[in-house]
Protein backbone atom coordinates (compact mmCIF):
# COMPACT_ATOMS: atom_id res chain seq x y z
CA MET A 1 -127.05 -27.28 145.63
CA TYR A 2 -126.61 -24.25 147.89
CA ARG A 3 -123.14 -23.88 149.37
CA PRO A 4 -122.16 -21.64 152.29
CA LEU A 5 -120.07 -18.56 151.52
CA ARG A 6 -117.04 -19.91 153.38
CA SER A 7 -116.39 -22.38 150.54
CA ILE A 8 -115.09 -19.44 148.47
CA GLU A 9 -112.07 -19.12 150.75
CA GLU A 10 -111.60 -22.89 150.86
CA HIS A 11 -111.70 -23.56 147.12
CA PRO A 12 -111.02 -20.40 145.06
CA VAL A 13 -109.86 -22.46 142.06
CA GLU A 14 -113.09 -24.47 142.07
CA ILE A 15 -115.16 -21.26 142.04
CA PHE A 16 -113.03 -19.93 139.15
CA PHE A 17 -113.51 -23.06 137.05
CA GLU A 18 -117.25 -23.13 137.75
CA ALA A 19 -117.56 -19.52 136.59
CA LEU A 20 -115.48 -20.36 133.52
CA LEU A 21 -117.71 -23.36 132.78
CA VAL A 22 -120.83 -21.19 133.00
CA LEU A 23 -119.29 -18.60 130.66
CA VAL A 24 -118.35 -21.30 128.14
CA CYS A 25 -121.88 -22.78 128.26
CA VAL A 26 -123.45 -19.35 127.70
CA GLY A 27 -121.07 -18.69 124.80
CA VAL A 28 -121.82 -22.03 123.16
CA LEU A 29 -125.58 -21.50 123.52
CA ALA A 30 -125.34 -17.99 122.06
CA PHE A 31 -123.25 -19.27 119.13
CA ALA A 32 -125.69 -22.14 118.50
CA GLY A 33 -128.62 -19.70 118.57
CA LEU A 34 -126.95 -17.38 116.07
CA THR A 35 -126.03 -20.30 113.80
CA VAL A 36 -129.61 -21.61 113.78
CA LYS A 37 -130.90 -18.09 113.10
CA LYS A 38 -128.53 -17.62 110.15
CA LEU A 39 -129.45 -21.11 108.88
CA TYR A 40 -133.19 -20.31 108.89
CA GLN A 41 -132.56 -16.93 107.22
CA GLY A 42 -130.67 -18.69 104.42
CA GLN A 43 -133.55 -21.09 103.79
CA ARG A 44 -136.08 -18.31 103.20
């Protein structure tokens, strides 16, 4: 999975979209975690 640093110059758009994908995944996980937390608080 490791890529050499020169790929940044070759595919800047690819790097951008990968970073965006990671950010979206983190956001979705954080939102899901908060939703579950609120759900469990409401049940108590």
